[in-house]
Amino acid sequence: MSGRKDAKVGNFVFCYTPETRELHFTPPNGTEIIIDNLVFPYGQEQIDHAIETQMSCKNKKKYGNPIAWSVEDHGDYYIFKCIVDVPGNPHKNDSRADGLLGLDLNVDHIAWSNINTTGQLIKSGVFSFDLEGKTSEQITKMIENKAVVIVDLAMKLNKPIALEKLNTTQSKVSQPYGNRKANKAMSHFAYNKMISAIKNRAEKMGVAVFDVNSAYTSQIGKIKYMKRMGISIHQAASYVIARRAMGFKETLPPVLHSLLPEKIAGLQHWAQWKWISSCLSDVRKHAFYRKELFAYDKIDSMNQLFPQGALSDFEAKGLLKVKSRKHIA
């Protein structure tokens, strides 16, 4: 229900009293409903301040602020949401002078990487959780708790946070790495909740959050950094996210560039990573821990990236079909 800035409490239908924590509203049937002891687990102070400020505003038509409400029916329970305008934190830390904390959001954990100003990895880790079989309320609490831990880490490091611009499409929900059963059960709700919880907590604590293009972060991390840094694919993705937020460009290593067809070699690095990622998409993740990416400057085929025995027959045959620069007339 949209608010009205000229209403006494910012809304003509919903009336919330901060002192008593009572919500009064009248649905279309005309029967007044009173909700006792309505307390918000997050943002209670902001809601109280917004309503009290609106009530004390003398010229509401000019200086008032609307306060919107929504009620979601979940069968056994209802979720009440109050939407207010919150001013930005004037003391927000958005300085990248010391580096960044990059995050990669996943179905059962959040991977993080702490990098310095030159893009070097200082430390990487994982915050794990189990959302399988949990209710939306339990998921919310669990994710919000992790958001507190993550923002606390950023504050301790005195660094802002970098996140992917996730569009929560099937490609992210159906992440091919990790627990397939949990991935299938993961909903858009959980990913949106992760992003909003981290951003809300960061805003409250004065930590800036930068959104970066999510293109090929996992693939670049897997191919370029996973073995080299001795970290997981998701930690490697968080490392790429942090570097991208710092403005670093992920160029292909010379050995991969030597395999590009002529028509791809002259394109921007996004197109090059797209071609490489497509060629290596059927190779199992664990095979990349045995690849020899930095042992040579040039090779003749994709198969030479991996030592003998690292690839299955299916993978080896698939890579033999790739037409690299060698095959272009």
Foldseek 3Di string as FASTA:
>chain_A
DKFDLPDLQQHPAWDADLVFRKIWGAPPVGDIDIDGPPADPPCSVVSNVLRVVSNPDPCSVVPGFHKDWDWACPPVDIDIDIDGDDDFDPQAQADCQFFEWFWFDALFWIKIFTAGLVLDTDDIDIDGHACPPHDPVVLLVVLLVVLLVVLVVCVVVSHAYEYEPDPQDPCRLCPVDDDRVSSVVDHPSNVVSNVVSNVSNSRVVRGDYHYDHLQCLLVCLLQPPCLVPVHDSRNSSRSSRRCVVSPDDDAAQLALLQFAAPVQNPDDRSSSSVLVCVLCVPWDSVQSNAFQRPPDNYDDWPVNRGDPPSGDPVSVVSRVPDRTNVNDD
